[in-house]
């Protein structure tokens, strides 16, 4: 609203975050383009099954561009694999919080 006061506040990356899938070629091109434009670009982050870069839009939102790695097919995972992965992730959060 143009007539309403607005102030930016510091946010954690996960508070204001959106991830968009792009090709591996576009990921590398956008990383280079951001660096060339002197924009803070974090990455390229190796997540094992995907690669990602992160930057902020003018409103402070974190934009993640992510590209699948060759052979990445989440639909190929069995229900047991998915539940085991979730259990491992939950366990790592609990362990990290207690550290």
Protein backbone atom coordinates (compact mmCIF):
# COMPACT_ATOMS: atom_id res chain seq x y z
CA UNK A 1 0.00 0.00 0.00
CA UNK A 2 1.66 3.21 -1.13
CA UNK A 3 0.41 5.30 1.81
CA UNK A 4 1.24 2.73 4.52
CA UNK A 5 4.57 2.84 6.38
CA UNK A 6 6.95 0.01 5.58
CA UNK A 7 10.21 -0.97 7.19
CA UNK A 8 12.56 -3.78 6.26
CA UNK A 9 13.44 -6.11 9.08
CA UNK A 10 16.19 -8.68 9.32
CA UNK A 11 14.91 -12.15 8.43
CA UNK A 12 16.42 -15.60 8.56
CA UNK A 13 16.86 -17.12 5.09
CA UNK A 14 14.20 -19.75 5.75
CA UNK A 15 11.60 -17.11 6.67
CA UNK A 16 11.59 -15.60 3.20
CA UNK A 17 12.64 -18.27 0.74
CA UNK A 18 11.50 -19.71 -2.56
CA UNK A 19 13.24 -22.35 -4.66
CA UNK A 20 12.92 -22.57 -8.42
CA UNK A 21 14.19 -25.41 -10.57
CA UNK A 22 16.40 -24.50 -13.54
CA UNK A 23 18.71 -26.42 -15.83
CA UNK A 24 22.33 -26.97 -14.82
CA UNK A 25 23.39 -24.64 -17.64
CA UNK A 26 21.04 -21.87 -16.45
CA UNK A 27 22.25 -22.32 -12.86
CA UNK A 28 25.86 -21.74 -13.89
CA UNK A 29 24.87 -18.84 -16.16
CA UNK A 30 22.86 -17.10 -13.41
CA UNK A 31 25.71 -17.62 -10.92
CA UNK A 32 28.14 -15.96 -13.34
CA UNK A 33 25.65 -13.20 -14.17
CA UNK A 34 25.13 -12.38 -10.50
CA UNK A 35 28.86 -12.28 -9.81
CA UNK A 36 29.45 -10.09 -12.88
CA UNK A 37 26.75 -7.67 -11.68
CA UNK A 38 28.37 -7.57 -8.21
CA UNK A 39 25.29 -9.14 -6.61
CA UNK A 40 25.85 -11.30 -3.54
CA UNK A 41 25.36 -14.85 -4.80
CA UNK A 42 25.97 -17.82 -2.51
CA UNK A 43 26.85 -21.18 -4.00
CA UNK A 44 27.15 -23.22 -5.99
CA UNK A 45 26.03 -25.43 -3.07
CA UNK A 46 26.41 -29.19 -3.47
CA UNK A 47 23.39 -30.87 -1.88
CA UNK A 48 24.31 -34.31 -3.25
CA UNK A 49 21.29 -34.72 -5.50
CA UNK A 50 20.90 -31.08 -6.57
CA UNK A 51 23.10 -27.98 -6.86
CA UNK A 52 21.84 -24.58 -5.75
CA UNK A 53 22.69 -20.90 -5.74
CA UNK A 54 21.11 -18.31 -3.46
CA UNK A 55 20.60 -14.57 -3.78
CA UNK A 56 18.15 -11.94 -2.49
CA UNK A 57 15.57 -10.07 -4.48
CA UNK A 58 15.17 -6.30 -3.86
CA UNK A 59 12.62 -7.02 -1.10
CA UNK A 60 15.01 -9.24 0.84
CA UNK A 61 13.48 -12.57 -0.15
CA UNK A 62 15.96 -15.40 -0.64
CA UNK A 63 15.72 -16.88 -4.12
CA UNK A 64 17.19 -20.33 -4.59
CA UNK A 65 17.85 -21.60 -8.07
CA UNK A 66 18.34 -25.34 -8.06
CA UNK A 67 19.36 -27.84 -10.72
CA UNK A 68 18.89 -31.59 -10.48
CA UNK A 69 21.98 -33.75 -10.77
CA UNK A 70 22.10 -36.43 -13.48
CA UNK A 71 20.27 -39.53 -12.28
CA UNK A 72 18.17 -37.58 -9.77
CA UNK A 73 14.72 -39.15 -9.71
CA UNK A 74 12.89 -38.75 -6.40
CA UNK A 75 10.00 -40.85 -7.72
CA UNK A 76 12.35 -43.85 -7.89
CA UNK A 77 12.76 -43.94 -4.10
CA UNK A 78 10.73 -46.54 -2.26
CA UNK A 79 8.40 -45.63 0.58
CA UNK A 80 10.86 -47.23 3.00
CA UNK A 81 13.72 -45.09 1.64
CA UNK A 82 11.64 -41.94 1.96
CA UNK A 83 10.67 -42.73 5.57
CA UNK A 84 14.28 -43.60 6.45
CA UNK A 85 15.48 -40.32 4.95
CA UNK A 86 12.87 -38.37 6.90
CA UNK A 87 13.82 -40.14 10.13
CA UNK A 88 17.52 -39.33 9.54
CA UNK A 89 16.68 -35.69 8.86
CA UNK A 90 14.52 -35.42 11.99
CA UNK A 91 17.29 -37.04 14.03
CA UNK A 92 19.88 -34.62 12.69
CA UNK A 93 17.67 -31.64 13.65
CA UNK A 94 17.28 -32.97 17.19
CA UNK A 95 21.02 -33.64 17.49
CA UNK A 96 21.92 -30.19 16.13
CA UNK A 97 19.46 -28.45 18.45
CA UNK A 98 20.95 -30.17 21.50
CA UNK A 99 24.54 -29.36 20.52
